[in-house]
């Protein structure tokens, strides 16, 4: 899982070389929040010096400025073909000023007991 700190420049490290469909160095990333369904779509270039081993992508601090802290699913595409998927967590240093939404998959109701 990738972790990105909101409001800071980040680097993403993933392995893509065995999945690429062209020699292009540019990939489209789509991040979808698991709860709010917010989407972030960015085009990133592979900065790795060792592309046969891993891919390195720079995401500036402004990429996730207006997005909700929480878990995202990401899709990496090249020529409109999804070549990789995974999970990403957008985190923040100070959660007291941010709306935090997390979802554990439970759709039932909780029972409250009082004494």
N, C-alpha and C. Protein backbone atom coordinates (compact mmCIF):
# COMPACT_ATOMS: atom_id res chain seq x y z
N UNK A 1 0.85 -1.18 0.00
CA UNK A 1 0.00 0.00 0.00
C UNK A 1 0.89 1.24 0.00
N UNK A 2 0.47 2.21 -0.76
CA UNK A 2 1.17 3.49 -0.84
C UNK A 2 0.57 4.44 0.20
N UNK A 3 1.43 5.20 0.88
CA UNK A 3 0.95 6.22 1.82
C UNK A 3 1.45 7.57 1.34
N UNK A 4 0.52 8.53 1.24
CA UNK A 4 0.86 9.87 0.80
C UNK A 4 0.48 10.86 1.89
N UNK A 5 1.40 11.73 2.23
CA UNK A 5 1.15 12.75 3.24
C UNK A 5 0.56 13.98 2.56
N UNK A 6 -0.64 14.33 2.96
CA UNK A 6 -1.35 15.47 2.37
C UNK A 6 -0.60 16.77 2.65
N UNK A 7 -0.53 17.63 1.62
CA UNK A 7 0.13 18.92 1.79
C UNK A 7 1.63 18.88 1.65
N UNK A 8 2.20 17.74 1.24
CA UNK A 8 3.65 17.62 1.09
C UNK A 8 3.96 17.02 -0.28
N UNK A 9 5.15 17.32 -0.79
CA UNK A 9 5.62 16.65 -2.00
C UNK A 9 5.90 15.19 -1.67
N UNK A 10 5.51 14.28 -2.56
CA UNK A 10 5.68 12.85 -2.30
C UNK A 10 6.25 12.16 -3.53
N UNK A 11 6.87 11.01 -3.30
CA UNK A 11 7.31 10.13 -4.38
C UNK A 11 6.57 8.81 -4.24
N UNK A 12 6.09 8.29 -5.36
CA UNK A 12 5.44 6.98 -5.39
C UNK A 12 6.42 6.00 -6.01
N UNK A 13 6.59 4.85 -5.38
CA UNK A 13 7.46 3.80 -5.90
C UNK A 13 6.62 2.55 -6.14
N UNK A 14 6.53 2.13 -7.39
CA UNK A 14 5.80 0.91 -7.73
C UNK A 14 6.54 0.21 -8.88
N UNK A 15 6.25 -1.06 -9.09
CA UNK A 15 6.87 -1.80 -10.19
C UNK A 15 5.90 -1.87 -11.36
N UNK A 16 6.33 -1.36 -12.50
CA UNK A 16 5.48 -1.33 -13.69
C UNK A 16 6.15 -1.91 -14.92
N UNK A 17 7.44 -2.05 -14.94
CA UNK A 17 8.17 -2.38 -16.16
C UNK A 17 7.62 -3.64 -16.85
N UNK A 18 7.29 -4.65 -16.12
CA UNK A 18 6.80 -5.89 -16.74
C UNK A 18 5.36 -5.76 -17.24
N UNK A 19 4.69 -4.65 -16.92
CA UNK A 19 3.29 -4.48 -17.29
C UNK A 19 3.08 -3.41 -18.36
N UNK A 20 4.10 -2.69 -18.72
CA UNK A 20 3.93 -1.59 -19.67
C UNK A 20 3.56 -2.09 -21.06
N UNK A 21 2.80 -1.29 -21.76
CA UNK A 21 2.37 -1.67 -23.10
C UNK A 21 3.11 -0.91 -24.20
N UNK A 22 3.87 0.14 -23.83
CA UNK A 22 4.67 0.90 -24.80
C UNK A 22 5.97 1.31 -24.14
N UNK A 23 6.82 1.98 -24.88
CA UNK A 23 8.06 2.50 -24.33
C UNK A 23 7.89 3.89 -23.72
N UNK A 24 6.66 4.37 -23.68
CA UNK A 24 6.39 5.70 -23.14
C UNK A 24 6.75 5.76 -21.66
N UNK A 25 7.21 6.91 -21.25
CA UNK A 25 7.63 7.14 -19.87
C UNK A 25 6.51 7.77 -19.04
N UNK A 26 5.37 8.04 -19.65
CA UNK A 26 4.27 8.74 -18.99
C UNK A 26 3.10 7.80 -18.73
N UNK A 27 2.52 7.92 -17.54
CA UNK A 27 1.41 7.07 -17.13
C UNK A 27 0.30 7.95 -16.56
N UNK A 28 -0.92 7.48 -16.71
CA UNK A 28 -2.07 8.18 -16.13
C UNK A 28 -2.46 7.45 -14.84
N UNK A 29 -2.57 8.21 -13.75
CA UNK A 29 -2.97 7.65 -12.47
C UNK A 29 -4.37 8.17 -12.12
N UNK A 30 -5.24 7.28 -11.71
CA UNK A 30 -6.57 7.68 -11.25
C UNK A 30 -6.73 7.12 -9.83
N UNK A 31 -6.97 8.03 -8.88
CA UNK A 31 -7.17 7.67 -7.48
C UNK A 31 -8.65 7.87 -7.15
N UNK A 32 -9.30 6.85 -6.57
CA UNK A 32 -10.72 6.93 -6.23
C UNK A 32 -10.88 6.65 -4.74
N UNK A 33 -11.44 7.62 -3.99
CA UNK A 33 -11.68 7.45 -2.56
C UNK A 33 -12.72 6.35 -2.35
N UNK A 34 -12.45 5.43 -1.43
CA UNK A 34 -13.34 4.29 -1.21
C UNK A 34 -14.67 4.68 -0.59
N UNK A 35 -14.74 5.79 0.11
CA UNK A 35 -15.98 6.21 0.77
C UNK A 35 -16.70 7.29 -0.02
N UNK A 36 -16.01 8.36 -0.32
CA UNK A 36 -16.65 9.52 -0.96
C UNK A 36 -16.71 9.42 -2.47
N UNK A 37 -15.93 8.51 -3.06
CA UNK A 37 -15.84 8.32 -4.52
C UNK A 37 -15.21 9.52 -5.23
N UNK A 38 -14.51 10.38 -4.46
CA UNK A 38 -13.77 11.48 -5.07
C UNK A 38 -12.73 10.88 -6.02
N UNK A 39 -12.49 11.55 -7.12
CA UNK A 39 -11.49 11.08 -8.08
C UNK A 39 -10.41 12.13 -8.30
N UNK A 40 -9.19 11.66 -8.39
CA UNK A 40 -8.05 12.51 -8.74
C UNK A 40 -7.37 11.82 -9.91
N UNK A 41 -7.23 12.52 -11.03
CA UNK A 41 -6.57 11.96 -12.21
C UNK A 41 -5.37 12.85 -12.54
N UNK A 42 -4.19 12.22 -12.59
CA UNK A 42 -2.96 12.95 -12.91
C UNK A 42 -2.12 12.14 -13.89
N UNK A 43 -1.36 12.85 -14.67
CA UNK A 43 -0.41 12.23 -15.60
C UNK A 43 0.98 12.42 -15.00
N UNK A 44 1.68 11.30 -14.79
CA UNK A 44 2.99 11.35 -14.14
C UNK A 44 4.04 10.67 -15.00
N UNK A 45 5.26 11.16 -14.92
CA UNK A 45 6.37 10.58 -15.67
C UNK A 45 7.25 9.76 -14.73
N UNK A 46 7.76 8.65 -15.26
CA UNK A 46 8.64 7.77 -14.49
C UNK A 46 10.01 8.41 -14.37
N UNK A 47 10.46 8.66 -13.14
CA UNK A 47 11.73 9.32 -12.88
C UNK A 47 12.83 8.36 -12.45
N UNK A 48 12.53 7.08 -12.41
CA UNK A 48 13.46 6.08 -11.90
C UNK A 48 14.71 5.96 -12.78
N UNK A 49 15.84 5.79 -12.14
CA UNK A 49 17.09 5.52 -12.86
C UNK A 49 17.22 4.03 -13.18
N UNK A 50 16.38 3.21 -12.53
CA UNK A 50 16.42 1.75 -12.70
C UNK A 50 15.05 1.25 -13.09
N UNK A 51 14.57 1.66 -14.25
CA UNK A 51 13.20 1.37 -14.69
C UNK A 51 12.89 -0.13 -14.78
N UNK A 52 13.89 -0.96 -15.01
CA UNK A 52 13.64 -2.39 -15.07
C UNK A 52 13.38 -2.99 -13.68
N UNK A 53 13.67 -2.23 -12.62
CA UNK A 53 13.44 -2.71 -11.26
C UNK A 53 12.22 -2.07 -10.60
N UNK A 54 12.06 -0.75 -10.77
CA UNK A 54 10.93 -0.05 -10.15
C UNK A 54 10.68 1.26 -10.89
N UNK A 55 9.49 1.81 -10.66
CA UNK A 55 9.14 3.11 -11.23
C UNK A 55 9.00 4.10 -10.09
N UNK A 56 9.42 5.34 -10.34
CA UNK A 56 9.39 6.39 -9.33
C UNK A 56 8.65 7.59 -9.92
N UNK A 57 7.63 8.06 -9.20
CA UNK A 57 6.81 9.16 -9.69
C UNK A 57 6.74 10.26 -8.63
N UNK A 58 6.87 11.50 -9.07
CA UNK A 58 6.79 12.65 -8.17
C UNK A 58 5.37 13.21 -8.19
N UNK A 59 4.80 13.40 -7.00
CA UNK A 59 3.48 14.05 -6.88
C UNK A 59 3.66 15.31 -6.05
N UNK A 60 3.42 16.47 -6.63
CA UNK A 60 3.56 17.72 -5.87
C UNK A 60 2.49 17.83 -4.78
N UNK A 61 2.75 18.68 -3.82
CA UNK A 61 1.84 18.84 -2.67
C UNK A 61 0.44 19.24 -3.09
N UNK A 62 0.30 19.91 -4.21
CA UNK A 62 -1.02 20.39 -4.64
C UNK A 62 -1.91 19.28 -5.21
N UNK A 63 -1.37 18.10 -5.46
CA UNK A 63 -2.14 17.02 -6.08
C UNK A 63 -3.37 16.64 -5.27
N UNK A 64 -3.25 16.56 -3.95
CA UNK A 64 -4.34 16.11 -3.09
C UNK A 64 -4.81 17.18 -2.11
N UNK A 65 -4.58 18.46 -2.42
CA UNK A 65 -4.93 19.55 -1.51
C UNK A 65 -6.40 19.56 -1.10
N UNK A 66 -7.31 19.31 -2.03
CA UNK A 66 -8.73 19.44 -1.75
C UNK A 66 -9.43 18.11 -1.53
N UNK A 67 -8.68 17.05 -1.27
CA UNK A 67 -9.28 15.73 -1.15
C UNK A 67 -9.36 15.24 0.29
N UNK A 68 -10.30 14.34 0.51
CA UNK A 68 -10.56 13.80 1.84
C UNK A 68 -9.48 12.81 2.25
N UNK A 69 -9.03 12.91 3.49
CA UNK A 69 -8.09 11.95 4.04
C UNK A 69 -8.78 10.60 4.12
N UNK A 70 -8.08 9.55 3.77
CA UNK A 70 -8.66 8.21 3.83
C UNK A 70 -8.02 7.28 2.81
N UNK A 71 -8.74 6.20 2.50
CA UNK A 71 -8.21 5.18 1.62
C UNK A 71 -8.72 5.35 0.19
N UNK A 72 -7.82 5.14 -0.75
CA UNK A 72 -8.11 5.27 -2.17
C UNK A 72 -7.68 4.00 -2.89
N UNK A 73 -8.35 3.69 -3.98
CA UNK A 73 -7.89 2.67 -4.91
C UNK A 73 -7.28 3.42 -6.07
N UNK A 74 -6.10 2.98 -6.53
CA UNK A 74 -5.50 3.66 -7.67
C UNK A 74 -5.42 2.72 -8.87
N UNK A 75 -5.52 3.34 -10.04
CA UNK A 75 -5.43 2.64 -11.32
C UNK A 75 -4.36 3.33 -12.15
N UNK A 76 -3.43 2.56 -12.67
CA UNK A 76 -2.39 3.10 -13.54
C UNK A 76 -2.72 2.65 -14.96
N UNK A 77 -2.81 3.62 -15.87
CA UNK A 77 -3.15 3.27 -17.25
C UNK A 77 -2.08 3.79 -18.20
N UNK A 78 -1.99 3.08 -19.31
CA UNK A 78 -1.11 3.49 -20.40
C UNK A 78 -1.85 3.16 -21.68
N UNK A 79 -2.06 4.14 -22.53
CA UNK A 79 -2.84 4.01 -23.77
C UNK A 79 -4.24 3.47 -23.46
N UNK A 80 -4.88 4.00 -22.42
CA UNK A 80 -6.24 3.64 -22.00
C UNK A 80 -6.39 2.18 -21.59
N UNK A 81 -5.30 1.53 -21.23
CA UNK A 81 -5.34 0.16 -20.72
C UNK A 81 -4.83 0.17 -19.28
N UNK A 82 -5.62 -0.37 -18.36
CA UNK A 82 -5.19 -0.44 -16.96
C UNK A 82 -4.10 -1.49 -16.84
N UNK A 83 -2.92 -1.06 -16.38
CA UNK A 83 -1.80 -1.99 -16.27
C UNK A 83 -1.45 -2.32 -14.82
N UNK A 84 -2.01 -1.56 -13.86
CA UNK A 84 -1.75 -1.84 -12.45
C UNK A 84 -2.84 -1.20 -11.59
N UNK A 85 -3.13 -1.82 -10.47
CA UNK A 85 -4.06 -1.27 -9.48
C UNK A 85 -3.47 -1.51 -8.10
N UNK A 86 -3.97 -0.78 -7.14
CA UNK A 86 -3.49 -0.95 -5.77
C UNK A 86 -4.24 -0.04 -4.83
N UNK A 87 -3.77 0.01 -3.58
CA UNK A 87 -4.37 0.84 -2.54
C UNK A 87 -3.43 1.95 -2.15
N UNK A 88 -4.02 3.08 -1.81
CA UNK A 88 -3.26 4.23 -1.36
C UNK A 88 -3.99 4.83 -0.16
N UNK A 89 -3.22 5.27 0.83
CA UNK A 89 -3.81 5.96 1.98
C UNK A 89 -3.31 7.39 1.98
N UNK A 90 -4.24 8.33 1.97
CA UNK A 90 -3.92 9.74 2.08
C UNK A 90 -3.99 10.10 3.55
N UNK A 91 -2.86 10.51 4.12
CA UNK A 91 -2.79 10.80 5.55
C UNK A 91 -2.45 12.27 5.75
N UNK A 92 -2.66 12.75 6.97
CA UNK A 92 -2.34 14.13 7.31
C UNK A 92 -1.75 14.18 8.71
N UNK A 93 -0.88 15.17 8.93
CA UNK A 93 -0.27 15.34 10.25
C UNK A 93 -1.29 15.73 11.30
N UNK A 94 -2.18 16.65 10.96
CA UNK A 94 -3.13 17.19 11.91
C UNK A 94 -4.55 16.84 11.48
N UNK A 95 -5.09 15.78 12.06
CA UNK A 95 -6.43 15.33 11.69
C UNK A 95 -7.54 16.15 12.35
N UNK A 96 -7.19 17.02 13.29
CA UNK A 96 -8.22 17.78 14.01
C UNK A 96 -8.91 18.80 13.10
N UNK A 97 -8.24 19.24 12.05
CA UNK A 97 -8.83 20.25 11.18
C UNK A 97 -9.33 19.66 9.86
N UNK A 98 -9.20 18.35 9.69
CA UNK A 98 -9.58 17.72 8.43
C UNK A 98 -10.76 16.78 8.64
N UNK A 99 -11.61 16.69 7.66
CA UNK A 99 -12.70 15.73 7.73
C UNK A 99 -12.18 14.34 7.44
N UNK A 100 -12.20 13.46 8.42
CA UNK A 100 -11.68 12.12 8.25
C UNK A 100 -12.84 11.17 8.06
N UNK A 101 -12.83 10.44 6.96
CA UNK A 101 -13.89 9.47 6.68
C UNK A 101 -13.24 8.14 6.40
N UNK A 102 -13.57 7.15 7.19
CA UNK A 102 -13.04 5.81 6.98
C UNK A 102 -14.20 4.83 6.94
N UNK A 103 -14.04 3.81 6.18
CA UNK A 103 -15.09 2.83 5.99
C UNK A 103 -14.49 1.44 6.09
N UNK A 104 -15.03 0.63 6.99
CA UNK A 104 -14.47 -0.71 7.17
C UNK A 104 -15.28 -1.79 6.46
N UNK A 105 -16.30 -1.41 5.69
CA UNK A 105 -17.07 -2.38 4.95
C UNK A 105 -18.34 -2.84 5.65
N UNK A 106 -18.51 -2.47 6.91
CA UNK A 106 -19.68 -2.90 7.66
C UNK A 106 -20.89 -2.05 7.29
N UNK A 107 -21.98 -2.70 6.88
CA UNK A 107 -23.16 -1.95 6.45
C UNK A 107 -24.37 -2.15 7.40
N UNK A 108 -24.18 -2.87 8.48
CA UNK A 108 -25.27 -3.10 9.43
C UNK A 108 -25.39 -1.96 10.42
N UNK A 109 -26.13 -2.21 11.49
CA UNK A 109 -26.27 -1.18 12.53
C UNK A 109 -25.53 -1.63 13.79
N UNK A 110 -25.14 -0.67 14.57
CA UNK A 110 -24.44 -0.94 15.81
C UNK A 110 -25.42 -0.88 16.96
N UNK A 111 -25.31 -1.80 17.90
CA UNK A 111 -26.18 -1.81 19.07
C UNK A 111 -25.48 -1.08 20.19
N UNK A 112 -26.18 -0.20 20.87
CA UNK A 112 -25.63 0.58 21.97
C UNK A 112 -26.23 0.08 23.27
N UNK A 113 -25.37 -0.16 24.25
CA UNK A 113 -25.80 -0.61 25.56
C UNK A 113 -25.55 0.49 26.56
N UNK A 114 -26.49 0.67 27.50
CA UNK A 114 -26.28 1.62 28.58
C UNK A 114 -26.42 0.88 29.88
N UNK A 115 -25.75 1.38 30.90
CA UNK A 115 -25.81 0.74 32.23
C UNK A 115 -26.55 1.57 33.21
